Amino acid sequence: MINTNDKLLCIRGNDFYSEGEVYTVGRIVNNKYFQLLTGSNDDHWYATLDEKGIYVSFDSMSAKDNKAWFDKIA
């Protein structure tokens, strides 16, 4: 379960999220999608929580896997 203001550790980064950094969950859309803030302002991407884990997808039309992956900090 993910809640607003939870902290997520980036375990595999990309151009928008840096590995080893901690990010804050924003608004919850539903039990699968939520906002993940990119920094100190209100910029965000939509993250997914499913059986694969917690991730943000980028450019799904590309053959290159460009997902950022996260672990929830207890």
C-alpha atoms as a PDB file:
ATOM      1  CA  MET A   1       0.000   0.000   0.000  1.00  0.00           C
ATOM      2  CA  ILE A   2       1.278   3.459  -0.949  1.00  0.00           C
ATOM      3  CA  ASN A   3       0.128   6.639   0.792  1.00  0.00           C
ATOM      4  CA  THR A   4       0.630  10.356   0.152  1.00  0.00           C
ATOM      5  CA  ASN A   5       3.948  11.571   1.625  1.00  0.00           C
ATOM      6  CA  ASP A   6       5.476   8.067   1.712  1.00  0.00           C
ATOM      7  CA  LYS A   7       9.174   8.040   0.841  1.00  0.00           C
ATOM      8  CA  LEU A   8      10.515   5.861  -1.981  1.00  0.00           C
ATOM      9  CA  LEU A   9      14.169   5.015  -2.601  1.00  0.00           C
ATOM     10  CA  CYS A  10      15.191   4.888  -6.264  1.00  0.00           C
ATOM     11  CA  ILE A  11      16.959   1.556  -6.813  1.00  0.00           C
ATOM     12  CA  ARG A  12      17.404   1.899 -10.600  1.00  0.00           C
ATOM     13  CA  GLY A  13      17.316   5.400 -12.020  1.00  0.00           C
ATOM     14  CA  ASN A  14      17.057   7.094 -15.393  1.00  0.00           C
ATOM     15  CA  ASP A  15      17.143  10.671 -16.747  1.00  0.00           C
ATOM     16  CA  PHE A  16      14.463  11.880 -14.297  1.00  0.00           C
ATOM     17  CA  TYR A  17      15.086   9.903 -11.103  1.00  0.00           C
ATOM     18  CA  SER A  18      18.558   9.278  -9.644  1.00  0.00           C
ATOM     19  CA  GLU A  19      19.551   5.950  -8.141  1.00  0.00           C
ATOM     20  CA  GLY A  20      20.062   6.246  -4.391  1.00  0.00           C
ATOM     21  CA  GLU A  21      17.853   9.335  -4.025  1.00  0.00           C
ATOM     22  CA  VAL A  22      14.657   9.441  -1.980  1.00  0.00           C
ATOM     23  CA  TYR A  23      11.430  10.750  -3.542  1.00  0.00           C
ATOM     24  CA  THR A  24       8.040  11.649  -2.058  1.00  0.00           C
ATOM     25  CA  VAL A  25       4.676  10.263  -3.096  1.00  0.00           C
ATOM     26  CA  GLY A  26       2.165  12.925  -4.125  1.00  0.00           C
ATOM     27  CA  ARG A  27      -1.531  12.501  -4.837  1.00  0.00           C
ATOM     28  CA  ILE A  28      -2.919   8.964  -5.010  1.00  0.00           C
ATOM     29  CA  VAL A  29      -4.913   8.332  -8.199  1.00  0.00           C
ATOM     30  CA  ASN A  30      -6.124   4.812  -7.340  1.00  0.00           C
ATOM     31  CA  ASN A  31      -4.737   1.565  -5.880  1.00  0.00           C
ATOM     32  CA  LYS A  32      -2.364   1.184  -8.848  1.00  0.00           C
ATOM     33  CA  TYR A  33      -1.295   4.717  -9.886  1.00  0.00           C
ATOM     34  CA  PHE A  34       0.056   7.694  -7.968  1.00  0.00           C
ATOM     35  CA  GLN A  35       2.138  10.836  -8.407  1.00  0.00           C
ATOM     36  CA  LEU A  36       5.847  10.619  -7.597  1.00  0.00           C
ATOM     37  CA  LEU A  37       7.430  14.028  -7.095  1.00  0.00           C
ATOM     38  CA  THR A  38      10.729  14.721  -8.853  1.00  0.00           C
ATOM     39  CA  GLY A  39      12.141  17.237  -6.385  1.00  0.00           C
ATOM     40  CA  SER A  40      11.301  20.154  -4.122  1.00  0.00           C
ATOM     41  CA  ASN A  41       8.628  21.626  -6.401  1.00  0.00           C
ATOM     42  CA  ASP A  42       5.336  20.114  -7.610  1.00  0.00           C
ATOM     43  CA  ASP A  43       6.805  18.440 -10.718  1.00  0.00           C
ATOM     44  CA  HIS A  44       5.923  14.761 -10.903  1.00  0.00           C
ATOM     45  CA  TRP A  45       5.480  11.682 -13.059  1.00  0.00           C
ATOM     46  CA  TYR A  46       2.863   9.014 -12.569  1.00  0.00           C
ATOM     47  CA  ALA A  47       4.152   5.848 -10.930  1.00  0.00           C
ATOM     48  CA  THR A  48       2.726   2.339 -11.030  1.00  0.00           C
ATOM     49  CA  LEU A  49       2.407  -0.167  -8.198  1.00  0.00           C
ATOM     50  CA  ASP A  50       1.715  -3.702  -9.423  1.00  0.00           C
ATOM     51  CA  GLU A  51       2.979  -7.282  -9.159  1.00  0.00           C
ATOM     52  CA  LYS A  52       6.300  -6.229 -10.777  1.00  0.00           C
ATOM     53  CA  GLY A  53       6.990  -3.569  -8.135  1.00  0.00           C
ATOM     54  CA  ILE A  54       7.005   0.230  -8.004  1.00  0.00           C
ATOM     55  CA  TYR A  55       8.154   2.016 -11.149  1.00  0.00           C
ATOM     56  CA  VAL A  56       7.776   5.007 -13.456  1.00  0.00           C
ATOM     57  CA  SER A  57       7.696   4.208 -17.182  1.00  0.00           C
ATOM     58  CA  PHE A  58       9.110   6.478 -19.856  1.00  0.00           C
ATOM     59  CA  ASP A  59       8.782   6.215 -23.643  1.00  0.00           C
ATOM     60  CA  SER A  60       7.035   2.852 -23.813  1.00  0.00           C
ATOM     61  CA  MET A  61       7.281   2.967 -27.618  1.00  0.00           C
ATOM     62  CA  SER A  62      11.053   2.512 -27.359  1.00  0.00           C
ATOM     63  CA  ALA A  63      12.694  -0.907 -27.326  1.00  0.00           C
ATOM     64  CA  LYS A  64      14.998   0.324 -24.554  1.00  0.00           C
ATOM     65  CA  ASP A  65      13.641  -0.237 -21.037  1.00  0.00           C
ATOM     66  CA  ASN A  66      13.696   3.229 -19.533  1.00  0.00           C
ATOM     67  CA  LYS A  67      11.820   2.561 -16.280  1.00  0.00           C
ATOM     68  CA  ALA A  68      12.900   3.960 -12.930  1.00  0.00           C
ATOM     69  CA  TRP A  69      12.407   1.455 -10.082  1.00  0.00           C
ATOM     70  CA  PHE A  70      11.738   2.176  -6.408  1.00  0.00           C
ATOM     71  CA  ASP A  71      11.523   0.523  -2.981  1.00  0.00           C
ATOM     72  CA  LYS A  72       9.313   1.871  -0.227  1.00  0.00           C
ATOM     73  CA  ILE A  73      11.185   3.087   2.843  1.00  0.00           C
ATOM     74  CA  ALA A  74       9.626   1.599   5.976  1.00  0.00           C
END
